[in-house]
Amino acid sequence: IELAQVNCSVSRRGVLRGVHFADVPPGQAKYVTCVAGEVL
């Protein structure tokens, strides 16, 4: 996969983000990790 952008989101407890998706093509594949705290 080509990497075009890195996003960083900081949220407080109870913040719900999404459900997000992009038009296909080209779409947007994502590789997601939580570097501080915990998310579902």
Full PDB file with SEQRES, HELIX, SHEET, SSBOND, CRYST1, ORIGX, SCALE, CONECT and MASTER records, all heavy atoms in Angstrom:
SEQRES   1 A   40  ILE GLU LEU ALA GLN VAL ASN CYS SER VAL SER ARG ARG          
SEQRES   2 A   40  GLY VAL LEU ARG GLY VAL HIS PHE ALA ASP VAL PRO PRO          
SEQRES   3 A   40  GLY GLN ALA LYS TYR VAL THR CYS VAL ALA GLY GLU VAL          
SEQRES   4 A   40  LEU                                                          
CRYST1    1.000    1.000    1.000  90.00  90.00  90.00 P 1           1          
ORIGX1      1.000000  0.000000  0.000000        0.00000                         
ORIGX2      0.000000  1.000000  0.000000        0.00000                         
ORIGX3      0.000000  0.000000  1.000000        0.00000                         
SCALE1      1.000000  0.000000  0.000000        0.00000                         
SCALE2      0.000000  1.000000  0.000000        0.00000                         
SCALE3      0.000000  0.000000  1.000000        0.00000                         
ATOM      1  N   ILE A   1       0.858  -1.176   0.000  1.00  0.00           N  
ATOM      2  CA  ILE A   1       0.000   0.000   0.000  1.00  0.00           C  
ATOM      3  C   ILE A   1       0.896   1.229   0.000  1.00  0.00           C  
ATOM      4  O   ILE A   1       1.964   1.228   0.604  1.00  0.00           O  
ATOM      5  CB  ILE A   1      -0.988   0.045   1.191  1.00  0.00           C  
ATOM      6  CG1 ILE A   1      -0.252   0.165   2.525  1.00  0.00           C  
ATOM      7  CG2 ILE A   1      -1.913  -1.142   1.184  1.00  0.00           C  
ATOM      8  CD1 ILE A   1      -1.160   0.568   3.671  1.00  0.00           C  
ATOM      9  N   GLU A   2       0.437   2.227  -0.705  1.00  0.00           N  
ATOM     10  CA  GLU A   2       1.152   3.503  -0.702  1.00  0.00           C  
ATOM     11  C   GLU A   2       0.669   4.305   0.497  1.00  0.00           C  
ATOM     12  O   GLU A   2      -0.524   4.306   0.808  1.00  0.00           O  
ATOM     13  CB  GLU A   2       0.847   4.264  -1.988  1.00  0.00           C  
ATOM     14  CG  GLU A   2       1.575   5.581  -2.086  1.00  0.00           C  
ATOM     15  CD  GLU A   2       1.311   6.285  -3.404  1.00  0.00           C  
ATOM     16  OE1 GLU A   2       1.130   5.606  -4.423  1.00  0.00           O  
ATOM     17  OE2 GLU A   2       1.279   7.526  -3.394  1.00  0.00           O  
ATOM     18  N   LEU A   3       1.569   4.953   1.189  1.00  0.00           N  
ATOM     19  CA  LEU A   3       1.189   5.803   2.315  1.00  0.00           C  
ATOM     20  C   LEU A   3       1.251   7.255   1.869  1.00  0.00           C  
ATOM     21  O   LEU A   3       2.270   7.733   1.405  1.00  0.00           O  
ATOM     22  CB  LEU A   3       2.104   5.563   3.507  1.00  0.00           C  
ATOM     23  CG  LEU A   3       2.040   4.148   4.079  1.00  0.00           C  
ATOM     24  CD1 LEU A   3       3.004   3.993   5.246  1.00  0.00           C  
ATOM     25  CD2 LEU A   3       0.632   3.795   4.503  1.00  0.00           C  
ATOM     26  N   ALA A   4       0.115   7.948   2.011  1.00  0.00           N  
ATOM     27  CA  ALA A   4       0.010   9.323   1.531  1.00  0.00           C  
ATOM     28  C   ALA A   4      -0.162  10.328   2.657  1.00  0.00           C  
ATOM     29  O   ALA A   4       0.069  11.513   2.460  1.00  0.00           O  
ATOM     30  CB  ALA A   4      -1.161   9.447   0.567  1.00  0.00           C  
ATOM     31  N   GLN A   5      -0.591   9.864   3.844  1.00  0.00           N  
ATOM     32  CA  GLN A   5      -0.907  10.802   4.921  1.00  0.00           C  
ATOM     33  C   GLN A   5      -0.885  10.054   6.249  1.00  0.00           C  
ATOM     34  O   GLN A   5      -1.248   8.893   6.316  1.00  0.00           O  
ATOM     35  CB  GLN A   5      -2.295  11.388   4.661  1.00  0.00           C  
ATOM     36  CG  GLN A   5      -2.745  12.431   5.647  1.00  0.00           C  
ATOM     37  CD  GLN A   5      -4.032  13.101   5.175  1.00  0.00           C  
ATOM     38  OE1 GLN A   5      -4.164  13.483   4.022  1.00  0.00           O  
ATOM     39  NE2 GLN A   5      -4.989  13.233   6.068  1.00  0.00           N  
ATOM     40  N   VAL A   6      -0.465  10.754   7.306  1.00  0.00           N  
ATOM     41  CA  VAL A   6      -0.547  10.226   8.669  1.00  0.00           C  
ATOM     42  C   VAL A   6      -1.434  11.168   9.466  1.00  0.00           C  
ATOM     43  O   VAL A   6      -1.196  12.377   9.500  1.00  0.00           O  
ATOM     44  CB  VAL A   6       0.846  10.120   9.338  1.00  0.00           C  
ATOM     45  CG1 VAL A   6       0.719   9.638  10.775  1.00  0.00           C  
ATOM     46  CG2 VAL A   6       1.763   9.198   8.541  1.00  0.00           C  
ATOM     47  N   ASN A   7      -2.472  10.620  10.089  1.00  0.00           N  
ATOM     48  CA  ASN A   7      -3.391  11.405  10.910  1.00  0.00           C  
ATOM     49  C   ASN A   7      -3.160  11.083  12.383  1.00  0.00           C  
ATOM     50  O   ASN A   7      -2.835   9.943  12.724  1.00  0.00           O  
ATOM     51  CB  ASN A   7      -4.848  11.082  10.564  1.00  0.00           C  
ATOM     52  CG  ASN A   7      -5.202  11.434   9.140  1.00  0.00           C  
ATOM     53  OD1 ASN A   7      -4.599  12.317   8.542  1.00  0.00           O  
ATOM     54  ND2 ASN A   7      -6.163  10.746   8.590  1.00  0.00           N  
ATOM     55  N   CYS A   8      -3.386  12.069  13.233  1.00  0.00           N  
ATOM     56  CA  CYS A   8      -3.294  11.891  14.676  1.00  0.00           C  
ATOM     57  C   CYS A   8      -4.525  12.540  15.292  1.00  0.00           C  
ATOM     58  O   CYS A   8      -4.790  13.721  15.069  1.00  0.00           O  
ATOM     59  CB  CYS A   8      -2.023  12.523  15.218  1.00  0.00           C  
ATOM     60  SG  CYS A   8      -1.838  12.351  17.004  1.00  0.00           S  
ATOM     61  N   SER A   9      -5.273  11.754  16.059  1.00  0.00           N  
ATOM     62  CA  SER A   9      -6.504  12.229  16.677  1.00  0.00           C  
ATOM     63  C   SER A   9      -6.380  12.077  18.189  1.00  0.00           C  
ATOM     64  O   SER A   9      -6.050  11.001  18.676  1.00  0.00           O  
ATOM     65  CB  SER A   9      -7.673  11.390  16.160  1.00  0.00           C  
ATOM     66  OG  SER A   9      -8.832  11.651  16.896  1.00  0.00           O  
ATOM     67  N   VAL A  10      -6.640  13.142  18.926  1.00  0.00           N  
ATOM     68  CA  VAL A  10      -6.634  13.096  20.386  1.00  0.00           C  
ATOM     69  C   VAL A  10      -8.072  13.336  20.849  1.00  0.00           C  
ATOM     70  O   VAL A  10      -8.676  14.344  20.489  1.00  0.00           O  
ATOM     71  CB  VAL A  10      -5.676  14.151  20.985  1.00  0.00           C  
ATOM     72  CG1 VAL A  10      -5.674  14.069  22.504  1.00  0.00           C  
ATOM     73  CG2 VAL A  10      -4.269  13.977  20.426  1.00  0.00           C  
ATOM     74  N   SER A  11      -8.600  12.395  21.619  1.00  0.00           N  
ATOM     75  CA  SER A  11     -10.001  12.453  22.045  1.00  0.00           C  
ATOM     76  C   SER A  11     -10.104  12.233  23.543  1.00  0.00           C  
ATOM     77  O   SER A  11      -9.302  11.510  24.126  1.00  0.00           O  
ATOM     78  CB  SER A  11     -10.809  11.355  21.341  1.00  0.00           C  
ATOM     79  OG  SER A  11     -10.701  11.459  19.949  1.00  0.00           O  
ATOM     80  N   ARG A  12     -11.142  12.819  24.131  1.00  0.00           N  
ATOM     81  CA  ARG A  12     -11.389  12.577  25.547  1.00  0.00           C  
ATOM     82  C   ARG A  12     -12.413  11.452  25.684  1.00  0.00           C  
ATOM     83  O   ARG A  12     -13.084  11.092  24.713  1.00  0.00           O  
ATOM     84  CB  ARG A  12     -11.849  13.847  26.249  1.00  0.00           C  
ATOM     85  CG  ARG A  12     -13.120  14.456  25.734  1.00  0.00           C  
ATOM     86  CD  ARG A  12     -13.452  15.759  26.479  1.00  0.00           C  
ATOM     87  NE  ARG A  12     -14.573  16.442  25.899  1.00  0.00           N  
ATOM     88  CZ  ARG A  12     -15.843  16.182  26.178  1.00  0.00           C  
ATOM     89  NH1 ARG A  12     -16.149  15.243  27.043  1.00  0.00           N  
ATOM     90  NH2 ARG A  12     -16.805  16.854  25.604  1.00  0.00           N  
ATOM     91  N   ARG A  13     -12.537  10.891  26.885  1.00  0.00           N  
ATOM     92  CA  ARG A  13     -13.459   9.782  27.125  1.00  0.00           C  
ATOM     93  C   ARG A  13     -14.855  10.127  26.603  1.00  0.00           C  
ATOM     94  O   ARG A  13     -15.350  11.240  26.781  1.00  0.00           O  
ATOM     95  CB  ARG A  13     -13.560   9.469  28.611  1.00  0.00           C  
ATOM     96  CG  ARG A  13     -14.449   8.255  28.909  1.00  0.00           C  
ATOM     97  CD  ARG A  13     -14.691   8.000  30.397  1.00  0.00           C  
ATOM     98  NE  ARG A  13     -13.568   8.244  31.270  1.00  0.00           N  
ATOM     99  CZ  ARG A  13     -12.572   7.375  31.528  1.00  0.00           C  
ATOM    100  NH1 ARG A  13     -12.583   6.199  30.954  1.00  0.00           N  
ATOM    101  NH2 ARG A  13     -11.606   7.699  32.350  1.00  0.00           N  
ATOM    102  N   GLY A  14     -15.451   9.164  25.926  1.00  0.00           N  
ATOM    103  CA  GLY A  14     -16.807   9.334  25.418  1.00  0.00           C  
ATOM    104  C   GLY A  14     -16.906   9.920  24.029  1.00  0.00           C  
ATOM    105  O   GLY A  14     -18.003   9.995  23.474  1.00  0.00           O  
ATOM    106  N   VAL A  15     -15.792  10.343  23.444  1.00  0.00           N  
ATOM    107  CA  VAL A  15     -15.818  10.858  22.077  1.00  0.00           C  
ATOM    108  C   VAL A  15     -15.940   9.668  21.125  1.00  0.00           C  
ATOM    109  O   VAL A  15     -15.196   8.690  21.233  1.00  0.00           O  
ATOM    110  CB  VAL A  15     -14.560  11.692  21.757  1.00  0.00           C  
ATOM    111  CG1 VAL A  15     -14.453  11.975  20.256  1.00  0.00           C  
ATOM    112  CG2 VAL A  15     -14.578  12.988  22.544  1.00  0.00           C  
ATOM    113  N   LEU A  16     -16.896   9.765  20.219  1.00  0.00           N  
ATOM    114  CA  LEU A  16     -17.164   8.722  19.236  1.00  0.00           C  
ATOM    115  C   LEU A  16     -16.948   9.324  17.856  1.00  0.00           C  
ATOM    116  O   LEU A  16     -17.610  10.304  17.489  1.00  0.00           O  
ATOM    117  CB  LEU A  16     -18.608   8.224  19.408  1.00  0.00           C  
ATOM    118  CG  LEU A  16     -19.134   7.170  18.452  1.00  0.00           C  
ATOM    119  CD1 LEU A  16     -18.219   5.955  18.381  1.00  0.00           C  
ATOM    120  CD2 LEU A  16     -20.542   6.762  18.883  1.00  0.00           C  
ATOM    121  N   ARG A  17     -15.996   8.776  17.113  1.00  0.00           N  
ATOM    122  CA  ARG A  17     -15.653   9.295  15.783  1.00  0.00           C  
ATOM    123  C   ARG A  17     -15.990   8.245  14.727  1.00  0.00           C  
ATOM    124  O   ARG A  17     -15.598   7.103  14.847  1.00  0.00           O  
ATOM    125  CB  ARG A  17     -14.168   9.642  15.711  1.00  0.00           C  
ATOM    126  CG  ARG A  17     -13.770  10.767  16.659  1.00  0.00           C  
ATOM    127  CD  ARG A  17     -12.280  11.073  16.528  1.00  0.00           C  
ATOM    128  NE  ARG A  17     -11.824  12.021  17.517  1.00  0.00           N  
ATOM    129  CZ  ARG A  17     -11.690  13.328  17.300  1.00  0.00           C  
ATOM    130  NH1 ARG A  17     -11.988  13.843  16.135  1.00  0.00           N  
ATOM    131  NH2 ARG A  17     -11.255  14.108  18.274  1.00  0.00           N  
ATOM    132  N   GLY A  18     -16.714   8.667  13.692  1.00  0.00           N  
ATOM    133  CA  GLY A  18     -17.052   7.759  12.600  1.00  0.00           C  
ATOM    134  C   GLY A  18     -18.521   7.401  12.645  1.00  0.00           C  
ATOM    135  O   GLY A  18     -19.264   7.932  13.468  1.00  0.00           O  
ATOM    136  N   VAL A  19     -18.903   6.583  11.779  1.00  0.00           N  
ATOM    137  CA  VAL A  19     -18.290   5.617  10.882  1.00  0.00           C  
ATOM    138  C   VAL A  19     -17.940   6.344   9.574  1.00  0.00           C  
ATOM    139  O   VAL A  19     -18.824   6.835   8.878  1.00  0.00           O  
ATOM    140  CB  VAL A  19     -19.264   4.456  10.586  1.00  0.00           C  
ATOM    141  CG1 VAL A  19     -18.706   3.491   9.557  1.00  0.00           C  
ATOM    142  CG2 VAL A  19     -19.707   3.754  11.863  1.00  0.00           C  
ATOM    143  N   HIS A  20     -16.649   6.394   9.232  1.00  0.00           N  
ATOM    144  CA  HIS A  20     -16.176   7.128   8.063  1.00  0.00           C  
ATOM    145  C   HIS A  20     -15.683   6.171   6.989  1.00  0.00           C  
ATOM    146  O   HIS A  20     -15.119   5.126   7.293  1.00  0.00           O  
ATOM    147  CB  HIS A  20     -15.027   8.065   8.455  1.00  0.00           C  
ATOM    148  CG  HIS A  20     -15.421   9.074   9.477  1.00  0.00           C  
ATOM    149  ND1 HIS A  20     -14.547   9.541  10.429  1.00  0.00           N  
ATOM    150  CD2 HIS A  20     -16.598   9.710   9.716  1.00  0.00           C  
ATOM    151  CE1 HIS A  20     -15.171  10.425  11.204  1.00  0.00           C  
ATOM    152  NE2 HIS A  20     -16.405  10.537  10.788  1.00  0.00           N  
ATOM    153  N   PHE A  21     -15.880   6.569   5.729  1.00  0.00           N  
ATOM    154  CA  PHE A  21     -15.360   5.825   4.578  1.00  0.00           C  
ATOM    155  C   PHE A  21     -15.213   6.806   3.424  1.00  0.00           C  
ATOM    156  O   PHE A  21     -15.802   7.891   3.442  1.00  0.00           O  
ATOM    157  CB  PHE A  21     -16.275   4.652   4.195  1.00  0.00           C  
ATOM    158  CG  PHE A  21     -17.637   5.057   3.743  1.00  0.00           C  
ATOM    159  CD1 PHE A  21     -17.932   5.206   2.392  1.00  0.00           C  
ATOM    160  CD2 PHE A  21     -18.641   5.312   4.668  1.00  0.00           C  
ATOM    161  CE1 PHE A  21     -19.195   5.605   1.981  1.00  0.00           C  
ATOM    162  CE2 PHE A  21     -19.918   5.705   4.264  1.00  0.00           C  
ATOM    163  CZ  PHE A  21     -20.192   5.857   2.917  1.00  0.00           C  
ATOM    164  N   ALA A  22     -14.412   6.422   2.432  1.00  0.00           N  
ATOM    165  CA  ALA A  22     -14.168   7.288   1.271  1.00  0.00           C  
ATOM    166  C   ALA A  22     -14.664   6.611   0.002  1.00  0.00           C  
ATOM    167  O   ALA A  22     -14.766   5.383  -0.065  1.00  0.00           O  
ATOM    168  CB  ALA A  22     -12.672   7.591   1.148  1.00  0.00           C  
ATOM    169  N   ASP A  23     -14.976   7.441  -1.006  1.00  0.00           N  
ATOM    170  CA  ASP A  23     -15.393   6.917  -2.310  1.00  0.00           C  
ATOM    171  C   ASP A  23     -14.344   5.954  -2.843  1.00  0.00           C  
ATOM    172  O   ASP A  23     -13.131   6.171  -2.696  1.00  0.00           O  
ATOM    173  CB  ASP A  23     -15.544   8.060  -3.322  1.00  0.00           C  
ATOM    174  CG  ASP A  23     -16.779   8.903  -3.088  1.00  0.00           C  
ATOM    175  OD1 ASP A  23     -17.721   8.422  -2.427  1.00  0.00           O  
ATOM    176  OD2 ASP A  23     -16.801  10.051  -3.577  1.00  0.00           O  
ATOM    177  N   VAL A  24     -14.825   4.892  -3.496  1.00  0.00           N  
ATOM    178  CA  VAL A  24     -13.962   3.927  -4.167  1.00  0.00           C  
ATOM    179  C   VAL A  24     -14.336   3.928  -5.641  1.00  0.00           C  
ATOM    180  O   VAL A  24     -15.517   3.775  -5.956  1.00  0.00           O  
ATOM    181  CB  VAL A  24     -14.153   2.514  -3.565  1.00  0.00           C  
ATOM    182  CG1 VAL A  24     -13.308   1.491  -4.315  1.00  0.00           C  
ATOM    183  CG2 VAL A  24     -13.825   2.502  -2.082  1.00  0.00           C  
ATOM    184  N   PRO A  25     -13.383   4.060  -6.582  1.00  0.00           N  
ATOM    185  CA  PRO A  25     -11.985   4.349  -6.330  1.00  0.00           C  
ATOM    186  C   PRO A  25     -11.763   5.811  -5.983  1.00  0.00           C  
ATOM    187  O   PRO A  25     -12.650   6.604  -6.238  1.00  0.00           O  
ATOM    188  CB  PRO A  25     -11.309   3.980  -7.657  1.00  0.00           C  
ATOM    189  CG  PRO A  25     -12.351   4.207  -8.707  1.00  0.00           C  
ATOM    190  CD  PRO A  25     -13.678   3.952  -8.020  1.00  0.00           C  
ATOM    191  N   PRO A  26     -10.635   6.197  -5.443  1.00  0.00           N  
ATOM    192  CA  PRO A  26      -9.545   5.315  -5.066  1.00  0.00           C  
ATOM    193  C   PRO A  26      -9.726   4.697  -3.687  1.00  0.00           C  
ATOM    194  O   PRO A  26      -9.008   3.772  -3.343  1.00  0.00           O  
ATOM    195  CB  PRO A  26      -8.324   6.237  -5.093  1.00  0.00           C  
ATOM    196  CG  PRO A  26      -8.872   7.568  -4.679  1.00  0.00           C  
ATOM    197  CD  PRO A  26     -10.273   7.608  -5.251  1.00  0.00           C  
ATOM    198  N   GLY A  27     -10.653   5.223  -2.888  1.00  0.00           N  
ATOM    199  CA  GLY A  27     -10.796   4.719  -1.528  1.00  0.00           C  
ATOM    200  C   GLY A  27      -9.680   5.212  -0.637  1.00  0.00           C  
ATOM    201  O   GLY A  27      -8.843   6.015  -1.053  1.00  0.00           O  
ATOM    202  N   GLN A  28      -9.694   4.752   0.586  1.00  0.00           N  
ATOM    203  CA  GLN A  28      -8.633   5.111   1.522  1.00  0.00           C  
ATOM    204  C   GLN A  28      -8.439   3.959   2.502  1.00  0.00           C  
ATOM    205  O   GLN A  28      -9.265   3.730   3.379  1.00  0.00           O  
ATOM    206  CB  GLN A  28      -8.977   6.393   2.286  1.00  0.00           C  
ATOM    207  CG  GLN A  28      -7.830   6.886   3.154  1.00  0.00           C  
ATOM    208  CD  GLN A  28      -8.195   8.126   3.936  1.00  0.00           C  
ATOM    209  OE1 GLN A  28      -9.070   8.094   4.788  1.00  0.00           O  
ATOM    210  NE2 GLN A  28      -7.495   9.223   3.661  1.00  0.00           N  
ATOM    211  N   ALA A  29      -7.366   3.199   2.313  1.00  0.00           N  
ATOM    212  CA  ALA A  29      -7.004   2.156   3.267  1.00  0.00           C  
ATOM    213  C   ALA A  29      -6.393   2.835   4.486  1.00  0.00           C  
ATOM    214  O   ALA A  29      -5.775   3.909   4.366  1.00  0.00           O  
ATOM    215  CB  ALA A  29      -6.011   1.179   2.652  1.00  0.00           C  
ATOM    216  N   LYS A  30      -6.593   2.225   5.671  1.00  0.00           N  
ATOM    217  CA  LYS A  30      -6.065   2.805   6.906  1.00  0.00           C  
ATOM    218  C   LYS A  30      -5.385   1.735   7.741  1.00  0.00           C  
ATOM    219  O   LYS A  30      -5.827   0.589   7.782  1.00  0.00           O  
ATOM    220  CB  LYS A  30      -7.194   3.427   7.735  1.00  0.00           C  
ATOM    221  CG  LYS A  30      -7.888   4.588   7.069  1.00  0.00           C  
ATOM    222  CD  LYS A  30      -9.065   5.076   7.873  1.00  0.00           C  
ATOM    223  CE  LYS A  30      -9.767   6.221   7.149  1.00  0.00           C  
ATOM    224  NZ  LYS A  30     -11.024   6.586   7.810  1.00  0.00           N  
ATOM    225  N   TYR A  31      -4.318   2.141   8.409  1.00  0.00           N  
ATOM    226  CA  TYR A  31      -3.605   1.306   9.367  1.00  0.00           C  
ATOM    227  C   TYR A  31      -3.624   2.094  10.670  1.00  0.00           C  
ATOM    228  O   TYR A  31      -3.023   3.161  10.763  1.00  0.00           O  
ATOM    229  CB  TYR A  31      -2.178   1.057   8.880  1.00  0.00           C  
ATOM    230  CG  TYR A  31      -1.390   0.116   9.739  1.00  0.00           C  
ATOM    231  CD1 TYR A  31      -1.444  -1.261   9.520  1.00  0.00           C  
ATOM    232  CD2 TYR A  31      -0.577   0.583  10.760  1.00  0.00           C  
ATOM    233  CE1 TYR A  31      -0.705  -2.138  10.300  1.00  0.00           C  
ATOM    234  CE2 TYR A  31       0.158  -0.281  11.545  1.00  0.00           C  
ATOM    235  CZ  TYR A  31       0.092  -1.638  11.310  1.00  0.00           C  
ATOM    236  OH  TYR A  31       0.835  -2.498  12.087  1.00  0.00           O  
ATOM    237  N   VAL A  32      -4.364   1.608  11.671  1.00  0.00           N  
ATOM    238  CA  VAL A  32      -4.726   2.396  12.847  1.00  0.00           C  
ATOM    239  C   VAL A  32      -4.131   1.788  14.116  1.00  0.00           C  
ATOM    240  O   VAL A  32      -4.225   0.582  14.331  1.00  0.00           O  
ATOM    241  CB  VAL A  32      -6.267   2.454  12.996  1.00  0.00           C  
ATOM    242  CG1 VAL A  32      -6.676   3.325  14.166  1.00  0.00           C  
ATOM    243  CG2 VAL A  32      -6.920   2.928  11.703  1.00  0.00           C  
ATOM    244  N   THR A  33      -3.572   2.645  14.973  1.00  0.00           N  
ATOM    245  CA  THR A  33      -3.097   2.199  16.279  1.00  0.00           C  
ATOM    246  C   THR A  33      -3.359   3.293  17.314  1.00  0.00           C  
ATOM    247  O   THR A  33      -3.473   4.468  16.971  1.00  0.00           O  
ATOM    248  CB  THR A  33      -1.595   1.813  16.240  1.00  0.00           C  
ATOM    249  OG1 THR A  33      -1.237   1.159  17.442  1.00  0.00           O  
ATOM    250  CG2 THR A  33      -0.707   3.018  16.008  1.00  0.00           C  
ATOM    251  N   CYS A  34      -3.484   2.884  18.554  1.00  0.00           N  
ATOM    252  CA  CYS A  34      -3.692   3.826  19.657  1.00  0.00           C  
ATOM    253  C   CYS A  34      -2.370   3.944  20.412  1.00  0.00           C  
ATOM    254  O   CYS A  34      -1.929   2.980  21.041  1.00  0.00           O  
ATOM    255  CB  CYS A  34      -4.813   3.320  20.572  1.00  0.00           C  
ATOM    256  SG  CYS A  34      -5.190   4.435  21.944  1.00  0.00           S  
ATOM    257  N   VAL A  35      -1.739   5.104  20.359  1.00  0.00           N  
ATOM    258  CA  VAL A  35      -0.417   5.279  20.971  1.00  0.00           C  
ATOM    259  C   VAL A  35      -0.489   5.730  22.424  1.00  0.00           C  
ATOM    260  O   VAL A  35       0.498   5.635  23.151  1.00  0.00           O  
ATOM    261  CB  VAL A  35       0.473   6.232  20.138  1.00  0.00           C  
ATOM    262  CG1 VAL A  35       0.745   5.636  18.754  1.00  0.00           C  
ATOM    263  CG2 VAL A  35      -0.135   7.613  20.032  1.00  0.00           C  
ATOM    264  N   ALA A  36      -1.650   6.219  22.863  1.00  0.00           N  
ATOM    265  CA  ALA A  36      -1.831   6.608  24.272  1.00  0.00           C  
ATOM    266  C   ALA A  36      -3.304   6.424  24.626  1.00  0.00           C  
ATOM    267  O   ALA A  36      -4.188   6.860  23.891  1.00  0.00           O  
ATOM    268  CB  ALA A  36      -1.414   8.062  24.498  1.00  0.00           C  
ATOM    269  N   GLY A  37      -3.541   5.752  25.744  1.00  0.00           N  
ATOM    270  CA  GLY A  37      -4.914   5.519  26.176  1.00  0.00           C  
ATOM    271  C   GLY A  37      -5.501   4.264  25.571  1.00  0.00           C  
ATOM    272  O   GLY A  37      -4.781   3.329  25.189  1.00  0.00           O  
ATOM    273  N   GLU A  38      -6.845   4.258  25.447  1.00  0.00           N  
ATOM    274  CA  GLU A  38      -7.545   3.074  24.944  1.00  0.00           C  
ATOM    275  C   GLU A  38      -8.783   3.493  24.164  1.00  0.00           C  
ATOM    276  O   GLU A  38      -9.507   4.404  24.572  1.00  0.00           O  
ATOM    277  CB  GLU A  38      -7.964   2.184  26.113  1.00  0.00           C  
ATOM    278  CG  GLU A  38      -8.696   0.931  25.706  1.00  0.00           C  
ATOM    279  CD  GLU A  38      -9.115   0.067  26.886  1.00  0.00           C  
ATOM    280  OE1 GLU A  38      -9.201   0.586  28.021  1.00  0.00           O  
ATOM    281  OE2 GLU A  38      -9.369  -1.123  26.668  1.00  0.00           O  
ATOM    282  N   VAL A  39      -9.018   2.799  23.048  1.00  0.00           N  
ATOM    283  CA  VAL A  39     -10.222   3.013  22.244  1.00  0.00           C  
ATOM    284  C   VAL A  39     -10.837   1.667  21.885  1.00  0.00           C  
ATOM    285  O   VAL A  39     -10.150   0.639  21.857  1.00  0.00           O  
ATOM    286  CB  VAL A  39      -9.942   3.803  20.940  1.00  0.00           C  
ATOM    287  CG1 VAL A  39      -9.380   5.184  21.233  1.00  0.00           C  
ATOM    288  CG2 VAL A  39      -9.047   3.038  19.983  1.00  0.00           C  
ATOM    289  N   LEU A  40     -12.133   1.703  21.622  1.00  0.00           N  
ATOM    290  CA  LEU A  40     -12.791   0.581  20.971  1.00  0.00           C  
ATOM    291  C   LEU A  40     -12.840   0.953  19.504  1.00  0.00           C  
ATOM    292  O   LEU A  40     -13.508   1.928  19.124  1.00  0.00           O  
ATOM    293  CB  LEU A  40     -14.199   0.349  21.522  1.00  0.00           C  
ATOM    294  CG  LEU A  40     -14.902  -0.869  20.917  1.00  0.00           C  
ATOM    295  CD1 LEU A  40     -14.229  -2.163  21.401  1.00  0.00           C  
ATOM    296  CD2 LEU A  40     -16.370  -0.877  21.268  1.00  0.00           C  
TER     297      LEU A  40                                                      
MASTER        0    0    0    0    0    0    0    6  296    1    0    4          
END                                                                             
